[in-house]
Amino acid sequence: QVQLVESGGGSVQTGDSLRLSCSASGRTFSGHSMGWFRQTPGKEREFVGAIRWNDGTTYYPDYPAPMKGRFTISRDNAKNTMYLEMNSLKPDDTGIYYCAATNDETIDLRVAFVDYWGQGTQVTVSS
């Protein structure tokens, strides 16, 4: 059974950085992809980005633009862990960040494409 466990969330100030981790267990992720979503207050869960496990190819949506260029996804194959590096954080980035995994190599993810979810980790950015 696949388990995804996020960590690294917390409370920070505007302009700070955070690195979230997603530790995966239960199978090898070769031939699959993993990604991050977030749910900010009053909004639907939105796609942050994803990474193809085999070759490390990443994908970030063009929308919403406020995240573009500030967030970076990476992975450590040996540790079966994916990371989300978030820089120049803003209050609008406040929300719950979820790790996601799929059963294929799709990296342009939608909520409906996700096969496994983590429990989420809270990120709070204050001004």
N, C-alpha and C. Protein backbone atom coordinates (compact mmCIF):
# COMPACT_ATOMS: atom_id res chain seq x y z
N GLN A 1 0.84 -1.19 0.00
CA GLN A 1 0.00 0.00 0.00
C GLN A 1 0.88 1.24 0.00
N VAL A 2 0.57 2.16 -0.90
CA VAL A 2 1.36 3.38 -1.02
C VAL A 2 1.02 4.33 0.12
N GLN A 3 2.06 4.86 0.73
CA GLN A 3 1.87 5.88 1.76
C GLN A 3 2.71 7.09 1.41
N LEU A 4 2.13 8.25 1.55
CA LEU A 4 2.81 9.51 1.30
C LEU A 4 2.73 10.34 2.58
N VAL A 5 3.87 10.79 3.06
CA VAL A 5 3.89 11.56 4.29
C VAL A 5 4.63 12.86 4.06
N GLU A 6 3.89 13.97 4.20
CA GLU A 6 4.49 15.28 4.04
C GLU A 6 5.09 15.77 5.35
N SER A 7 6.08 16.62 5.23
CA SER A 7 6.65 17.29 6.40
C SER A 7 7.27 18.60 5.93
N GLY A 8 7.61 19.44 6.90
CA GLY A 8 8.30 20.68 6.59
C GLY A 8 7.44 21.93 6.61
N GLY A 9 6.15 21.76 6.80
CA GLY A 9 5.29 22.94 6.87
C GLY A 9 5.54 23.73 8.14
N GLY A 10 4.96 24.91 8.20
CA GLY A 10 5.11 25.72 9.39
C GLY A 10 4.65 27.13 9.15
N SER A 11 4.98 27.99 10.09
CA SER A 11 4.62 29.41 10.02
C SER A 11 5.86 30.23 9.75
N VAL A 12 5.79 31.05 8.70
CA VAL A 12 6.91 31.87 8.32
C VAL A 12 6.43 33.28 8.02
N GLN A 13 7.40 34.16 7.75
CA GLN A 13 7.10 35.55 7.39
C GLN A 13 7.16 35.72 5.87
N THR A 14 6.52 36.76 5.41
CA THR A 14 6.60 37.11 3.98
C THR A 14 8.06 37.23 3.55
N GLY A 15 8.36 36.61 2.42
CA GLY A 15 9.72 36.65 1.89
C GLY A 15 10.59 35.48 2.30
N ASP A 16 10.14 34.72 3.29
CA ASP A 16 10.90 33.56 3.76
C ASP A 16 10.80 32.40 2.78
N SER A 17 11.58 31.38 3.06
CA SER A 17 11.56 30.15 2.27
C SER A 17 11.21 28.96 3.15
N LEU A 18 10.66 27.94 2.50
CA LEU A 18 10.37 26.68 3.17
C LEU A 18 10.65 25.55 2.20
N ARG A 19 11.05 24.41 2.73
CA ARG A 19 11.17 23.22 1.91
C ARG A 19 10.28 22.13 2.48
N LEU A 20 9.33 21.72 1.70
CA LEU A 20 8.46 20.62 2.07
C LEU A 20 9.04 19.31 1.55
N SER A 21 8.81 18.27 2.30
CA SER A 21 9.25 16.93 1.89
C SER A 21 8.05 16.00 1.81
N CYS A 22 8.13 15.05 0.90
CA CYS A 22 7.12 14.00 0.81
C CYS A 22 7.86 12.67 0.76
N SER A 23 7.73 11.93 1.82
CA SER A 23 8.37 10.62 1.88
C SER A 23 7.38 9.56 1.41
N ALA A 24 7.78 8.78 0.42
CA ALA A 24 6.90 7.79 -0.18
C ALA A 24 7.34 6.37 0.19
N SER A 25 6.40 5.52 0.44
CA SER A 25 6.70 4.13 0.74
C SER A 25 5.62 3.24 0.18
N GLY A 26 5.92 1.97 0.11
CA GLY A 26 4.93 1.00 -0.33
C GLY A 26 5.20 0.43 -1.71
N ARG A 27 6.03 1.10 -2.47
CA ARG A 27 6.39 0.55 -3.78
C ARG A 27 7.52 1.39 -4.36
N THR A 28 8.06 0.96 -5.47
CA THR A 28 8.99 1.78 -6.21
C THR A 28 8.21 2.72 -7.12
N PHE A 29 8.71 3.93 -7.29
CA PHE A 29 8.00 4.90 -8.10
C PHE A 29 8.56 5.05 -9.50
N SER A 30 9.45 4.17 -9.85
CA SER A 30 9.93 4.15 -11.22
C SER A 30 8.76 3.94 -12.16
N GLY A 31 8.66 4.79 -13.18
CA GLY A 31 7.55 4.68 -14.11
C GLY A 31 6.31 5.41 -13.66
N HIS A 32 6.45 6.22 -12.64
CA HIS A 32 5.31 6.98 -12.12
C HIS A 32 5.73 8.43 -11.91
N SER A 33 4.79 9.22 -11.49
CA SER A 33 5.10 10.61 -11.20
C SER A 33 4.53 11.00 -9.84
N MET A 34 5.09 12.06 -9.30
CA MET A 34 4.59 12.61 -8.05
C MET A 34 4.47 14.11 -8.19
N GLY A 35 3.62 14.69 -7.38
CA GLY A 35 3.42 16.12 -7.50
C GLY A 35 2.92 16.74 -6.22
N TRP A 36 2.72 18.05 -6.29
CA TRP A 36 2.22 18.83 -5.17
C TRP A 36 0.96 19.59 -5.59
N PHE A 37 0.03 19.61 -4.68
CA PHE A 37 -1.15 20.44 -4.80
C PHE A 37 -1.25 21.29 -3.54
N ARG A 38 -2.01 22.34 -3.62
CA ARG A 38 -2.27 23.11 -2.41
C ARG A 38 -3.72 23.53 -2.38
N GLN A 39 -4.19 23.71 -1.19
CA GLN A 39 -5.56 24.20 -0.99
C GLN A 39 -5.49 25.40 -0.08
N THR A 40 -5.76 26.56 -0.67
CA THR A 40 -5.75 27.80 0.09
C THR A 40 -7.17 28.13 0.51
N PRO A 41 -7.33 28.91 1.57
CA PRO A 41 -8.67 29.18 2.10
C PRO A 41 -9.62 29.71 1.03
N GLY A 42 -10.77 29.09 0.93
CA GLY A 42 -11.81 29.55 0.02
C GLY A 42 -11.63 29.13 -1.43
N LYS A 43 -10.59 28.34 -1.71
CA LYS A 43 -10.34 27.93 -3.09
C LYS A 43 -10.29 26.42 -3.21
N GLU A 44 -10.44 25.97 -4.44
CA GLU A 44 -10.32 24.54 -4.71
C GLU A 44 -8.84 24.13 -4.68
N ARG A 45 -8.63 22.83 -4.53
CA ARG A 45 -7.27 22.33 -4.54
C ARG A 45 -6.64 22.61 -5.90
N GLU A 46 -5.45 23.21 -5.90
CA GLU A 46 -4.82 23.58 -7.16
C GLU A 46 -3.46 22.92 -7.31
N PHE A 47 -3.13 22.69 -8.56
CA PHE A 47 -1.91 21.99 -8.92
C PHE A 47 -0.71 22.94 -8.84
N VAL A 48 0.32 22.51 -8.13
CA VAL A 48 1.53 23.30 -7.98
C VAL A 48 2.60 22.88 -8.98
N GLY A 49 2.76 21.57 -9.15
CA GLY A 49 3.75 21.05 -10.08
C GLY A 49 3.98 19.59 -9.83
N ALA A 50 4.74 18.96 -10.74
CA ALA A 50 4.97 17.52 -10.61
C ALA A 50 6.33 17.15 -11.19
N ILE A 51 6.75 15.93 -10.89
CA ILE A 51 8.03 15.43 -11.36
C ILE A 51 7.87 13.98 -11.80
N ARG A 52 8.46 13.67 -12.94
CA ARG A 52 8.47 12.30 -13.43
C ARG A 52 9.61 11.56 -12.73
N TRP A 53 9.28 10.47 -12.06
CA TRP A 53 10.27 9.86 -11.19
C TRP A 53 11.48 9.33 -11.95
N ASN A 54 11.28 8.77 -13.11
CA ASN A 54 12.38 8.13 -13.83
C ASN A 54 13.48 9.09 -14.21
N ASP A 55 13.11 10.24 -14.81
CA ASP A 55 14.13 11.11 -15.37
C ASP A 55 14.18 12.49 -14.73
N GLY A 56 13.31 12.73 -13.74
CA GLY A 56 13.35 14.01 -13.05
C GLY A 56 12.74 15.17 -13.81
N THR A 57 12.08 14.90 -14.92
CA THR A 57 11.42 15.98 -15.66
C THR A 57 10.34 16.60 -14.79
N THR A 58 10.36 17.92 -14.72
CA THR A 58 9.36 18.62 -13.92
C THR A 58 8.40 19.40 -14.80
N TYR A 59 7.26 19.65 -14.25
CA TYR A 59 6.23 20.42 -14.95
C TYR A 59 5.57 21.35 -13.95
N TYR A 60 5.43 22.60 -14.36
CA TYR A 60 4.73 23.59 -13.54
C TYR A 60 3.67 24.24 -14.40
N PRO A 61 2.48 24.37 -13.88
CA PRO A 61 1.42 24.97 -14.69
C PRO A 61 1.70 26.45 -14.93
N ASP A 62 1.26 26.93 -16.07
CA ASP A 62 1.40 28.37 -16.36
C ASP A 62 0.46 29.20 -15.50
N TYR A 63 -0.60 28.54 -15.06
CA TYR A 63 -1.55 29.25 -14.20
C TYR A 63 -1.73 28.43 -12.95
N PRO A 64 -1.78 28.92 -11.73
CA PRO A 64 -1.72 30.35 -11.45
C PRO A 64 -0.29 30.89 -11.48
N ALA A 65 -0.15 32.00 -12.13
CA ALA A 65 1.16 32.59 -12.33
C ALA A 65 1.88 32.99 -11.05
N PRO A 66 1.17 33.35 -9.98
CA PRO A 66 1.88 33.78 -8.78
C PRO A 66 2.87 32.78 -8.23
N MET A 67 2.69 31.47 -8.54
CA MET A 67 3.63 30.48 -8.02
C MET A 67 4.84 30.31 -8.94
N LYS A 68 4.67 30.65 -10.18
CA LYS A 68 5.69 30.34 -11.17
C LYS A 68 7.00 31.05 -10.87
N GLY A 69 8.08 30.28 -10.93
CA GLY A 69 9.39 30.85 -10.70
C GLY A 69 9.81 30.88 -9.24
N ARG A 70 8.87 30.68 -8.33
CA ARG A 70 9.21 30.73 -6.91
C ARG A 70 9.28 29.32 -6.30
N PHE A 71 8.61 28.38 -6.93
CA PHE A 71 8.54 27.02 -6.38
C PHE A 71 9.32 26.06 -7.28
N THR A 72 10.06 25.16 -6.66
CA THR A 72 10.87 24.19 -7.39
C THR A 72 10.67 22.80 -6.80
N ILE A 73 10.43 21.84 -7.67
CA ILE A 73 10.24 20.45 -7.24
C ILE A 73 11.47 19.63 -7.60
N SER A 74 11.86 18.77 -6.69
CA SER A 74 12.97 17.87 -6.95
C SER A 74 12.70 16.54 -6.26
N ARG A 75 13.55 15.57 -6.50
CA ARG A 75 13.37 14.28 -5.83
C ARG A 75 14.71 13.64 -5.56
N ASP A 76 14.70 12.79 -4.55
CA ASP A 76 15.88 12.00 -4.20
C ASP A 76 15.46 10.54 -4.35
N ASN A 77 15.93 9.92 -5.42
CA ASN A 77 15.52 8.54 -5.68
C ASN A 77 15.90 7.60 -4.55
N ALA A 78 17.09 7.78 -4.03
CA ALA A 78 17.59 6.88 -3.00
C ALA A 78 16.74 6.93 -1.74
N LYS A 79 16.19 8.10 -1.47
CA LYS A 79 15.38 8.27 -0.26
C LYS A 79 13.89 8.14 -0.55
N ASN A 80 13.53 7.94 -1.83
CA ASN A 80 12.12 7.89 -2.22
C ASN A 80 11.37 9.10 -1.69
N THR A 81 11.98 10.25 -1.84
CA THR A 81 11.44 11.49 -1.28
C THR A 81 11.39 12.57 -2.34
N MET A 82 10.30 13.30 -2.34
CA MET A 82 10.13 14.44 -3.23
C MET A 82 10.13 15.71 -2.38
N TYR A 83 10.60 16.79 -2.98
CA TYR A 83 10.70 18.06 -2.25
C TYR A 83 9.98 19.16 -3.01
N LEU A 84 9.54 20.15 -2.25
CA LEU A 84 9.01 21.38 -2.81
C LEU A 84 9.72 22.53 -2.13
N GLU A 85 10.59 23.19 -2.89
CA GLU A 85 11.30 24.36 -2.38
C GLU A 85 10.47 25.59 -2.72
N MET A 86 10.10 26.33 -1.70
CA MET A 86 9.26 27.52 -1.90
C MET A 86 10.03 28.74 -1.43
N ASN A 87 10.20 29.69 -2.33
CA ASN A 87 10.93 30.92 -2.03
C ASN A 87 10.02 32.13 -2.13
N SER A 88 10.48 33.22 -1.54
CA SER A 88 9.73 34.48 -1.59
C SER A 88 8.27 34.27 -1.25
N LEU A 89 8.02 33.61 -0.16
CA LEU A 89 6.65 33.27 0.21
C LEU A 89 5.82 34.51 0.51
N LYS A 90 4.54 34.39 0.16
CA LYS A 90 3.59 35.49 0.34
C LYS A 90 2.42 34.99 1.17
N PRO A 91 1.68 35.90 1.78
CA PRO A 91 0.49 35.47 2.53
C PRO A 91 -0.48 34.64 1.70
N ASP A 92 -0.57 34.93 0.38
CA ASP A 92 -1.47 34.16 -0.48
C ASP A 92 -1.03 32.71 -0.65
N ASP A 93 0.19 32.39 -0.24
CA ASP A 93 0.66 31.00 -0.32
C ASP A 93 0.19 30.18 0.88
N THR A 94 -0.44 30.83 1.82
CA THR A 94 -0.96 30.11 3.00
C THR A 94 -1.97 29.06 2.59
N GLY A 95 -1.80 27.86 3.12
CA GLY A 95 -2.75 26.79 2.83
C GLY A 95 -2.19 25.45 3.23
N ILE A 96 -2.91 24.42 2.86
CA ILE A 96 -2.46 23.05 3.11
C ILE A 96 -1.85 22.52 1.82
N TYR A 97 -0.66 21.99 1.93
CA TYR A 97 0.06 21.47 0.77
C TYR A 97 0.03 19.95 0.81
N TYR A 98 -0.40 19.38 -0.31
CA TYR A 98 -0.58 17.94 -0.40
C TYR A 98 0.38 17.32 -1.39
N CYS A 99 0.94 16.21 -0.99
CA CYS A 99 1.74 15.39 -1.88
C CYS A 99 0.81 14.43 -2.62
N ALA A 100 1.13 14.17 -3.88
CA ALA A 100 0.29 13.31 -4.70
C ALA A 100 1.14 12.37 -5.53
N ALA A 101 0.60 11.22 -5.85
CA ALA A 101 1.30 10.27 -6.71
C ALA A 101 0.33 9.63 -7.68
N THR A 102 0.87 9.27 -8.83
CA THR A 102 0.03 8.66 -9.86
C THR A 102 0.54 7.27 -10.22
N ASN A 103 -0.26 6.54 -10.93
CA ASN A 103 0.13 5.22 -11.40
C ASN A 103 0.71 5.25 -12.81
N ASP A 104 0.96 6.45 -13.33
CA ASP A 104 1.61 6.55 -14.64
C ASP A 104 2.56 7.73 -14.60
N GLU A 105 3.04 8.14 -15.78
CA GLU A 105 4.05 9.20 -15.82
C GLU A 105 3.48 10.57 -16.18
N THR A 106 2.19 10.71 -16.07
CA THR A 106 1.58 12.02 -16.32
C THR A 106 2.13 13.04 -15.35
N ILE A 107 2.57 14.18 -15.87
CA ILE A 107 3.07 15.23 -14.99
C ILE A 107 2.26 16.52 -15.10
N ASP A 108 1.39 16.61 -16.05
CA ASP A 108 0.43 17.73 -16.11
C ASP A 108 -0.81 17.22 -15.37
N LEU A 109 -0.78 17.37 -14.05
CA LEU A 109 -1.75 16.69 -13.22
C LEU A 109 -3.05 17.49 -13.01
N ARG A 110 -4.05 16.75 -12.76
CA ARG A 110 -5.33 17.27 -12.28
C ARG A 110 -5.67 16.45 -11.03
N VAL A 111 -6.55 16.99 -10.20
CA VAL A 111 -6.98 16.25 -9.01
C VAL A 111 -7.47 14.86 -9.41
N ALA A 112 -8.22 14.78 -10.50
CA ALA A 112 -8.81 13.52 -10.92
C ALA A 112 -7.78 12.50 -11.37
N PHE A 113 -6.56 12.95 -11.69
CA PHE A 113 -5.53 12.02 -12.18
C PHE A 113 -4.76 11.37 -11.03
N VAL A 114 -4.92 11.90 -9.83
CA VAL A 114 -4.11 11.45 -8.70
C VAL A 114 -4.67 10.16 -8.13
N ASP A 115 -3.75 9.23 -7.89
CA ASP A 115 -4.15 7.94 -7.33
C ASP A 115 -3.90 7.85 -5.82
N TYR A 116 -2.95 8.63 -5.34
CA TYR A 116 -2.62 8.58 -3.91
C TYR A 116 -2.38 10.00 -3.40
N TRP A 117 -2.83 10.23 -2.18
CA TRP A 117 -2.66 11.54 -1.55
C TRP A 117 -1.99 11.38 -0.19
N GLY A 118 -1.20 12.39 0.16
CA GLY A 118 -0.72 12.49 1.52
C GLY A 118 -1.77 13.19 2.38
N GLN A 119 -1.46 13.32 3.64
CA GLN A 119 -2.43 13.91 4.57
C GLN A 119 -2.39 15.44 4.56
N GLY A 120 -1.36 16.01 3.98
CA GLY A 120 -1.24 17.45 3.90
C GLY A 120 -0.40 18.03 5.02
N THR A 121 0.23 19.15 4.71
CA THR A 121 1.00 19.88 5.73
C THR A 121 0.66 21.36 5.61
N GLN A 122 0.46 22.00 6.73
CA GLN A 122 0.02 23.39 6.76
C GLN A 122 1.20 24.34 6.58
N VAL A 123 1.00 25.30 5.70
CA VAL A 123 1.96 26.40 5.52
C VAL A 123 1.22 27.70 5.79
N THR A 124 1.75 28.50 6.69
CA THR A 124 1.15 29.78 7.03
C THR A 124 2.18 30.86 6.84
N VAL A 125 1.84 31.84 6.01
CA VAL A 125 2.75 32.95 5.74
C VAL A 125 2.09 34.23 6.24
N SER A 126 2.75 34.88 7.14
CA SER A 126 2.19 36.10 7.71
C SER A 126 2.94 37.32 7.18
N SER A 127 2.22 38.42 7.14
CA SER A 127 2.81 39.66 6.58
C SER A 127 3.56 40.44 7.64
